[in-house]
Amino acid sequence: MVRRTSPQVGKSARAAAMRFLKIRPRSVGELKEKLMIKGFSSAEIEATVLDLQESGLLDDRAFTKSWINDRLARPFGFRRIVLELKDKGIDGDIIEQAVAEAAKDYSPQNAAMELARRRWERSPDIDALKKKKRVLDFLLRRGFEAPVAKSVLRKLK
């Protein structure tokens, strides 16, 4: 079955949306903001977003799951991931569900330890106290919770 764009959706708004989605997946909030910046009316934006959601090309749940998986692979902590998703306009309930699902298979302790070891070995000539401070700051910037980061630092030698 071939899906056609509904007549009320402006071709230029849909074309612009498709260009944005071609670059990378976007959240509904991100796409609305991009289309608004391009100068499309609220009605055109809403119609385009609705059309893309109905066709399955725009899905905040799938976007959130993909974003979390990508960030955990790098790795980042959940605190930073949640902030990034909120900035992208994702609903809090969607974030909460996706994080709970991802947390089942992810150990922040192991990920933080791996990052800390790499960072620790990067600067062998620095005083241990200064090095610990740098590693702690790094882990906190990556979104790991303070208790996890401090626990990891105690294990480093």
N, C-alpha and C. Protein backbone atom coordinates (compact mmCIF):
# COMPACT_ATOMS: atom_id res chain seq x y z
N MET A 1 0.84 -1.17 0.00
CA MET A 1 0.00 0.00 0.00
C MET A 1 0.89 1.24 0.00
N VAL A 2 0.65 2.12 -0.93
CA VAL A 2 1.42 3.35 -1.02
C VAL A 2 0.70 4.43 -0.24
N ARG A 3 1.43 5.06 0.64
CA ARG A 3 0.85 6.12 1.48
C ARG A 3 1.09 7.46 0.82
N ARG A 4 0.05 8.22 0.69
CA ARG A 4 0.17 9.56 0.14
C ARG A 4 0.04 10.57 1.24
N THR A 5 0.67 11.69 1.04
CA THR A 5 0.58 12.77 2.00
C THR A 5 -0.82 13.33 1.96
N SER A 6 -1.36 13.61 3.15
CA SER A 6 -2.69 14.19 3.17
C SER A 6 -2.65 15.57 2.50
N PRO A 7 -3.73 15.99 1.87
CA PRO A 7 -3.73 17.23 1.10
C PRO A 7 -3.43 18.47 1.92
N GLN A 8 -3.77 18.46 3.23
CA GLN A 8 -3.55 19.67 4.02
C GLN A 8 -2.08 19.87 4.39
N VAL A 9 -1.25 18.85 4.21
CA VAL A 9 0.16 18.98 4.54
C VAL A 9 0.88 19.65 3.38
N GLY A 10 1.49 20.79 3.66
CA GLY A 10 2.21 21.50 2.62
C GLY A 10 3.40 20.70 2.14
N LYS A 11 3.58 20.64 0.84
CA LYS A 11 4.68 19.85 0.29
C LYS A 11 6.03 20.39 0.76
N SER A 12 6.14 21.69 0.87
CA SER A 12 7.44 22.24 1.26
C SER A 12 7.74 21.95 2.73
N ALA A 13 6.74 21.95 3.59
CA ALA A 13 6.96 21.63 5.00
C ALA A 13 7.36 20.17 5.14
N ARG A 14 6.68 19.30 4.43
CA ARG A 14 7.03 17.87 4.47
C ARG A 14 8.41 17.64 3.88
N ALA A 15 8.73 18.33 2.80
CA ALA A 15 10.05 18.17 2.17
C ALA A 15 11.15 18.62 3.13
N ALA A 16 10.93 19.75 3.81
CA ALA A 16 11.91 20.23 4.78
C ALA A 16 12.06 19.23 5.92
N ALA A 17 10.95 18.71 6.40
CA ALA A 17 10.97 17.72 7.49
C ALA A 17 11.74 16.47 7.06
N MET A 18 11.51 16.03 5.85
CA MET A 18 12.19 14.84 5.35
C MET A 18 13.70 15.08 5.24
N ARG A 19 14.10 16.28 4.84
CA ARG A 19 15.53 16.60 4.79
C ARG A 19 16.15 16.53 6.18
N PHE A 20 15.44 17.06 7.18
CA PHE A 20 15.95 17.00 8.56
C PHE A 20 16.06 15.56 9.03
N LEU A 21 15.06 14.74 8.71
CA LEU A 21 15.05 13.35 9.15
C LEU A 21 16.08 12.51 8.39
N LYS A 22 16.43 12.95 7.20
CA LYS A 22 17.43 12.23 6.41
C LYS A 22 18.81 12.36 7.05
N ILE A 23 19.08 13.50 7.68
CA ILE A 23 20.37 13.74 8.32
C ILE A 23 20.54 12.81 9.52
N ARG A 24 19.52 12.77 10.38
CA ARG A 24 19.51 11.88 11.54
C ARG A 24 18.09 11.83 12.09
N PRO A 25 17.77 10.79 12.86
CA PRO A 25 16.44 10.75 13.48
C PRO A 25 16.25 11.97 14.39
N ARG A 26 15.03 12.43 14.49
CA ARG A 26 14.72 13.60 15.32
C ARG A 26 13.51 13.28 16.21
N SER A 27 13.43 14.03 17.29
CA SER A 27 12.25 13.94 18.14
C SER A 27 11.19 14.88 17.56
N VAL A 28 9.97 14.72 18.00
CA VAL A 28 8.89 15.60 17.57
C VAL A 28 9.23 17.05 17.92
N GLY A 29 9.72 17.27 19.12
CA GLY A 29 10.07 18.61 19.56
C GLY A 29 11.15 19.24 18.71
N GLU A 30 12.18 18.47 18.39
CA GLU A 30 13.26 18.97 17.54
C GLU A 30 12.75 19.35 16.16
N LEU A 31 11.93 18.48 15.58
CA LEU A 31 11.42 18.72 14.24
C LEU A 31 10.52 19.95 14.21
N LYS A 32 9.68 20.09 15.21
CA LYS A 32 8.83 21.28 15.27
C LYS A 32 9.66 22.55 15.35
N GLU A 33 10.70 22.51 16.17
CA GLU A 33 11.57 23.68 16.32
C GLU A 33 12.27 24.02 15.00
N LYS A 34 12.77 23.00 14.32
CA LYS A 34 13.46 23.21 13.04
C LYS A 34 12.51 23.81 12.01
N LEU A 35 11.29 23.28 11.95
CA LEU A 35 10.32 23.79 10.97
C LEU A 35 9.88 25.22 11.32
N MET A 36 9.80 25.51 12.61
CA MET A 36 9.43 26.85 13.04
C MET A 36 10.52 27.85 12.61
N ILE A 37 11.77 27.46 12.80
CA ILE A 37 12.89 28.31 12.41
C ILE A 37 12.88 28.55 10.90
N LYS A 38 12.45 27.55 10.15
CA LYS A 38 12.36 27.67 8.69
C LYS A 38 11.21 28.60 8.27
N GLY A 39 10.33 28.94 9.20
CA GLY A 39 9.28 29.90 8.90
C GLY A 39 7.93 29.32 8.53
N PHE A 40 7.72 28.04 8.81
CA PHE A 40 6.43 27.43 8.51
C PHE A 40 5.43 27.81 9.60
N SER A 41 4.16 27.85 9.22
CA SER A 41 3.11 28.21 10.17
C SER A 41 2.87 27.05 11.14
N SER A 42 2.25 27.37 12.27
CA SER A 42 1.94 26.34 13.26
C SER A 42 1.05 25.25 12.68
N ALA A 43 0.09 25.65 11.86
CA ALA A 43 -0.82 24.68 11.24
C ALA A 43 -0.06 23.74 10.32
N GLU A 44 0.86 24.28 9.52
CA GLU A 44 1.65 23.44 8.61
C GLU A 44 2.53 22.48 9.41
N ILE A 45 3.12 23.00 10.47
CA ILE A 45 4.00 22.17 11.29
C ILE A 45 3.22 21.03 11.93
N GLU A 46 2.09 21.35 12.53
CA GLU A 46 1.27 20.32 13.19
C GLU A 46 0.80 19.27 12.20
N ALA A 47 0.36 19.70 11.03
CA ALA A 47 -0.12 18.77 10.01
C ALA A 47 1.02 17.87 9.53
N THR A 48 2.19 18.46 9.34
CA THR A 48 3.34 17.68 8.88
C THR A 48 3.76 16.66 9.93
N VAL A 49 3.84 17.09 11.19
CA VAL A 49 4.24 16.19 12.27
C VAL A 49 3.23 15.05 12.41
N LEU A 50 1.96 15.37 12.38
CA LEU A 50 0.92 14.35 12.48
C LEU A 50 1.04 13.35 11.34
N ASP A 51 1.24 13.84 10.13
CA ASP A 51 1.38 12.98 8.96
C ASP A 51 2.59 12.06 9.10
N LEU A 52 3.71 12.61 9.55
CA LEU A 52 4.92 11.80 9.72
C LEU A 52 4.78 10.78 10.84
N GLN A 53 4.05 11.14 11.89
CA GLN A 53 3.80 10.18 12.97
C GLN A 53 2.91 9.04 12.47
N GLU A 54 1.88 9.38 11.71
CA GLU A 54 0.98 8.36 11.20
C GLU A 54 1.69 7.41 10.24
N SER A 55 2.66 7.93 9.50
CA SER A 55 3.38 7.09 8.55
C SER A 55 4.54 6.34 9.20
N GLY A 56 4.78 6.59 10.50
CA GLY A 56 5.82 5.88 11.23
C GLY A 56 7.22 6.45 11.06
N LEU A 57 7.34 7.60 10.42
CA LEU A 57 8.64 8.20 10.20
C LEU A 57 9.10 9.06 11.37
N LEU A 58 8.19 9.36 12.27
CA LEU A 58 8.50 10.19 13.43
C LEU A 58 7.89 9.53 14.66
N ASP A 59 8.74 9.06 15.56
CA ASP A 59 8.28 8.32 16.73
C ASP A 59 9.20 8.62 17.91
N ASP A 60 8.69 9.34 18.90
CA ASP A 60 9.51 9.72 20.05
C ASP A 60 9.99 8.50 20.85
N ARG A 61 9.19 7.47 20.93
CA ARG A 61 9.60 6.28 21.69
C ARG A 61 10.79 5.59 21.02
N ALA A 62 10.71 5.41 19.72
CA ALA A 62 11.82 4.78 18.98
C ALA A 62 13.06 5.67 19.02
N PHE A 63 12.85 6.98 18.88
CA PHE A 63 13.97 7.92 18.94
C PHE A 63 14.67 7.83 20.29
N THR A 64 13.89 7.81 21.36
CA THR A 64 14.43 7.76 22.72
C THR A 64 15.24 6.49 22.94
N LYS A 65 14.69 5.37 22.51
CA LYS A 65 15.38 4.09 22.68
C LYS A 65 16.71 4.10 21.91
N SER A 66 16.67 4.59 20.70
CA SER A 66 17.87 4.67 19.87
C SER A 66 18.91 5.60 20.49
N TRP A 67 18.46 6.75 20.98
CA TRP A 67 19.37 7.72 21.59
C TRP A 67 20.06 7.12 22.82
N ILE A 68 19.29 6.45 23.65
CA ILE A 68 19.85 5.85 24.86
C ILE A 68 20.87 4.77 24.50
N ASN A 69 20.54 3.91 23.56
CA ASN A 69 21.47 2.85 23.16
C ASN A 69 22.77 3.43 22.62
N ASP A 70 22.66 4.48 21.83
CA ASP A 70 23.85 5.13 21.27
C ASP A 70 24.71 5.73 22.38
N ARG A 71 24.09 6.41 23.32
CA ARG A 71 24.83 7.06 24.39
C ARG A 71 25.45 6.05 25.36
N LEU A 72 24.77 4.96 25.62
CA LEU A 72 25.32 3.95 26.52
C LEU A 72 26.51 3.23 25.89
N ALA A 73 26.54 3.16 24.59
CA ALA A 73 27.65 2.52 23.90
C ALA A 73 28.93 3.34 23.99
N ARG A 74 28.82 4.63 24.28
CA ARG A 74 30.01 5.52 24.26
C ARG A 74 30.84 5.49 25.53
N PRO A 75 30.60 5.28 26.70
CA PRO A 75 29.38 5.29 27.49
C PRO A 75 29.17 6.63 28.22
N PHE A 76 27.91 6.88 28.49
CA PHE A 76 27.49 8.03 29.27
C PHE A 76 26.64 7.52 30.43
N GLY A 77 26.48 8.35 31.43
CA GLY A 77 25.62 8.01 32.56
C GLY A 77 24.19 8.43 32.26
N PHE A 78 23.25 7.84 32.98
CA PHE A 78 21.84 8.12 32.74
C PHE A 78 21.46 9.57 33.04
N ARG A 79 22.15 10.19 34.00
CA ARG A 79 21.81 11.57 34.34
C ARG A 79 21.97 12.49 33.13
N ARG A 80 23.07 12.34 32.42
CA ARG A 80 23.32 13.17 31.23
C ARG A 80 22.35 12.80 30.11
N ILE A 81 22.10 11.53 29.92
CA ILE A 81 21.20 11.08 28.86
C ILE A 81 19.81 11.67 29.06
N VAL A 82 19.32 11.63 30.28
CA VAL A 82 18.00 12.17 30.59
C VAL A 82 17.94 13.66 30.28
N LEU A 83 18.97 14.39 30.66
CA LEU A 83 19.01 15.83 30.37
C LEU A 83 19.00 16.11 28.87
N GLU A 84 19.75 15.33 28.12
CA GLU A 84 19.79 15.50 26.66
C GLU A 84 18.42 15.24 26.05
N LEU A 85 17.75 14.19 26.52
CA LEU A 85 16.43 13.87 25.97
C LEU A 85 15.40 14.93 26.32
N LYS A 86 15.49 15.48 27.52
CA LYS A 86 14.57 16.56 27.90
C LYS A 86 14.81 17.78 27.02
N ASP A 87 16.08 18.07 26.72
CA ASP A 87 16.41 19.18 25.83
C ASP A 87 15.84 18.97 24.43
N LYS A 88 15.67 17.73 24.05
CA LYS A 88 15.14 17.41 22.73
C LYS A 88 13.61 17.36 22.72
N GLY A 89 13.00 17.66 23.85
CA GLY A 89 11.56 17.76 23.92
C GLY A 89 10.82 16.45 24.14
N ILE A 90 11.52 15.45 24.61
CA ILE A 90 10.89 14.14 24.85
C ILE A 90 10.12 14.20 26.17
N ASP A 91 8.93 13.62 26.17
CA ASP A 91 8.07 13.57 27.35
C ASP A 91 8.74 12.78 28.47
N GLY A 92 8.58 13.24 29.69
CA GLY A 92 9.20 12.61 30.86
C GLY A 92 8.82 11.15 31.05
N ASP A 93 7.56 10.80 30.75
CA ASP A 93 7.13 9.41 30.90
C ASP A 93 7.84 8.50 29.91
N ILE A 94 8.02 8.97 28.69
CA ILE A 94 8.72 8.19 27.67
C ILE A 94 10.17 7.98 28.10
N ILE A 95 10.80 9.03 28.60
CA ILE A 95 12.20 8.94 29.06
C ILE A 95 12.30 7.94 30.21
N GLU A 96 11.41 8.06 31.17
CA GLU A 96 11.44 7.19 32.35
C GLU A 96 11.31 5.72 31.96
N GLN A 97 10.38 5.41 31.07
CA GLN A 97 10.19 4.02 30.63
C GLN A 97 11.41 3.49 29.88
N ALA A 98 11.95 4.31 28.99
CA ALA A 98 13.10 3.88 28.18
C ALA A 98 14.34 3.69 29.05
N VAL A 99 14.55 4.57 30.00
CA VAL A 99 15.70 4.46 30.90
C VAL A 99 15.56 3.21 31.78
N ALA A 100 14.36 2.97 32.28
CA ALA A 100 14.14 1.77 33.11
C ALA A 100 14.43 0.50 32.31
N GLU A 101 14.02 0.49 31.06
CA GLU A 101 14.27 -0.67 30.20
C GLU A 101 15.76 -0.85 29.93
N ALA A 102 16.44 0.25 29.63
CA ALA A 102 17.88 0.18 29.32
C ALA A 102 18.70 -0.16 30.56
N ALA A 103 18.27 0.27 31.73
CA ALA A 103 19.02 0.05 32.96
C ALA A 103 19.10 -1.43 33.34
N LYS A 104 18.20 -2.23 32.81
CA LYS A 104 18.21 -3.66 33.12
C LYS A 104 19.50 -4.33 32.64
N ASP A 105 20.01 -3.87 31.49
CA ASP A 105 21.16 -4.52 30.87
C ASP A 105 22.44 -3.69 30.96
N TYR A 106 22.46 -2.67 31.80
CA TYR A 106 23.59 -1.74 31.82
C TYR A 106 24.10 -1.55 33.24
N SER A 107 25.40 -1.64 33.40
CA SER A 107 26.00 -1.43 34.70
C SER A 107 26.79 -0.12 34.68
N PRO A 108 26.24 0.94 35.29
CA PRO A 108 26.98 2.21 35.34
C PRO A 108 28.33 2.05 36.03
N GLN A 109 28.41 1.16 37.00
CA GLN A 109 29.65 0.93 37.74
C GLN A 109 30.75 0.43 36.79
N ASN A 110 30.42 -0.57 35.96
CA ASN A 110 31.41 -1.12 35.03
C ASN A 110 31.80 -0.10 33.96
N ALA A 111 30.82 0.62 33.43
CA ALA A 111 31.10 1.62 32.41
C ALA A 111 31.97 2.74 32.96
N ALA A 112 31.66 3.19 34.16
CA ALA A 112 32.45 4.26 34.79
C ALA A 112 33.87 3.77 35.07
N MET A 113 34.01 2.53 35.49
CA MET A 113 35.34 1.98 35.78
C MET A 113 36.19 1.93 34.51
N GLU A 114 35.59 1.51 33.43
CA GLU A 114 36.31 1.45 32.15
C GLU A 114 36.80 2.84 31.74
N LEU A 115 35.91 3.81 31.81
CA LEU A 115 36.27 5.19 31.46
C LEU A 115 37.34 5.74 32.41
N ALA A 116 37.19 5.47 33.70
CA ALA A 116 38.12 5.99 34.69
C ALA A 116 39.52 5.41 34.48
N ARG A 117 39.60 4.14 34.18
CA ARG A 117 40.91 3.52 33.95
C ARG A 117 41.61 4.15 32.75
N ARG A 118 40.84 4.33 31.67
CA ARG A 118 41.43 4.96 30.47
C ARG A 118 41.92 6.36 30.79
N ARG A 119 41.12 7.13 31.50
CA ARG A 119 41.48 8.51 31.84
C ARG A 119 42.67 8.52 32.80
N TRP A 120 42.70 7.58 33.73
CA TRP A 120 43.76 7.50 34.72
C TRP A 120 45.11 7.22 34.04
N GLU A 121 45.11 6.30 33.10
CA GLU A 121 46.34 5.90 32.42
C GLU A 121 46.84 6.96 31.44
N ARG A 122 45.99 7.87 31.09
CA ARG A 122 46.32 8.90 30.12
C ARG A 122 47.38 9.88 30.64
N SER A 123 47.44 10.06 31.94
CA SER A 123 48.36 11.05 32.51
C SER A 123 49.15 10.45 33.68
N PRO A 124 50.19 9.67 33.38
CA PRO A 124 50.94 9.00 34.45
C PRO A 124 51.82 9.91 35.29
N ASP A 125 52.18 11.10 34.80
CA ASP A 125 53.12 11.97 35.50
C ASP A 125 52.47 12.94 36.48
N ILE A 126 51.16 12.88 36.63
CA ILE A 126 50.45 13.83 37.47
C ILE A 126 50.27 13.25 38.88
N ASP A 127 50.28 14.12 39.84
CA ASP A 127 50.06 13.76 41.24
C ASP A 127 48.74 12.97 41.37
N ALA A 128 48.74 11.94 42.18
CA ALA A 128 47.57 11.05 42.31
C ALA A 128 46.31 11.79 42.75
N LEU A 129 46.43 12.72 43.68
CA LEU A 129 45.27 13.48 44.15
C LEU A 129 44.66 14.33 43.03
N LYS A 130 45.53 14.98 42.29
CA LYS A 130 45.08 15.81 41.16
C LYS A 130 44.45 14.94 40.08
N LYS A 131 45.05 13.78 39.85
CA LYS A 131 44.53 12.85 38.85
C LYS A 131 43.14 12.35 39.24
N LYS A 132 42.96 12.04 40.53
CA LYS A 132 41.65 11.58 41.00
C LYS A 132 40.59 12.66 40.80
N LYS A 133 40.95 13.90 41.08
CA LYS A 133 40.02 15.02 40.90
C LYS A 133 39.61 15.13 39.42
N ARG A 134 40.57 15.00 38.54
CA ARG A 134 40.28 15.09 37.10
C ARG A 134 39.37 13.95 36.64
N VAL A 135 39.65 12.76 37.12
CA VAL A 135 38.83 11.60 36.74
C VAL A 135 37.42 11.76 37.29
N LEU A 136 37.31 12.20 38.53
CA LEU A 136 36.00 12.42 39.13
C LEU A 136 35.20 13.44 38.33
N ASP A 137 35.82 14.56 38.02
CA ASP A 137 35.13 15.60 37.23
C ASP A 137 34.70 15.06 35.86
N PHE A 138 35.56 14.27 35.24
CA PHE A 138 35.25 13.68 33.95
C PHE A 138 34.02 12.77 34.04
N LEU A 139 34.00 11.91 35.03
CA LEU A 139 32.87 10.99 35.19
C LEU A 139 31.57 11.75 35.46
N LEU A 140 31.64 12.80 36.26
CA LEU A 140 30.44 13.59 36.55
C LEU A 140 29.94 14.31 35.29
N ARG A 141 30.86 14.82 34.47
CA ARG A 141 30.46 15.46 33.21
C ARG A 141 29.82 14.45 32.26
N ARG A 142 30.25 13.22 32.32
CA ARG A 142 29.69 12.18 31.47
C ARG A 142 28.32 11.70 31.96
N GLY A 143 27.90 12.20 33.11
CA GLY A 143 26.55 11.89 33.58
C GLY A 143 26.44 10.76 34.58
N PHE A 144 27.55 10.33 35.12
CA PHE A 144 27.48 9.28 36.14
C PHE A 144 27.16 9.91 37.48
N GLU A 145 26.40 9.20 38.28
CA GLU A 145 26.01 9.69 39.60
C GLU A 145 27.25 9.79 40.49
N ALA A 146 27.25 10.74 41.39
CA ALA A 146 28.40 10.97 42.27
C ALA A 146 28.79 9.73 43.09
N PRO A 147 27.84 8.99 43.68
CA PRO A 147 28.25 7.79 44.44
C PRO A 147 28.95 6.75 43.57
N VAL A 148 28.51 6.61 42.33
CA VAL A 148 29.15 5.66 41.41
C VAL A 148 30.57 6.12 41.10
N ALA A 149 30.72 7.40 40.78
CA ALA A 149 32.03 7.96 40.44
C ALA A 149 33.00 7.83 41.61
N LYS A 150 32.52 8.14 42.81
CA LYS A 150 33.40 8.06 43.99
C LYS A 150 33.79 6.63 44.31
N SER A 151 32.87 5.71 44.12
CA SER A 151 33.15 4.30 44.33
C SER A 151 34.23 3.80 43.37
N VAL A 152 34.14 4.23 42.14
CA VAL A 152 35.12 3.85 41.13
C VAL A 152 36.49 4.41 41.50
N LEU A 153 36.53 5.65 41.96
CA LEU A 153 37.81 6.28 42.31
C LEU A 153 38.50 5.54 43.46
N ARG A 154 37.73 5.04 44.40
CA ARG A 154 38.32 4.30 45.53
C ARG A 154 39.04 3.04 45.05
N LYS A 155 38.57 2.48 43.93
CA LYS A 155 39.15 1.24 43.41
C LYS A 155 40.37 1.47 42.52
N LEU A 156 40.57 2.69 42.07
CA LEU A 156 41.69 3.00 41.19
C LEU A 156 43.00 3.09 41.98
N LYS A 157 44.04 2.59 41.41
CA LYS A 157 45.37 2.70 42.03
C LYS A 157 46.39 2.98 40.97
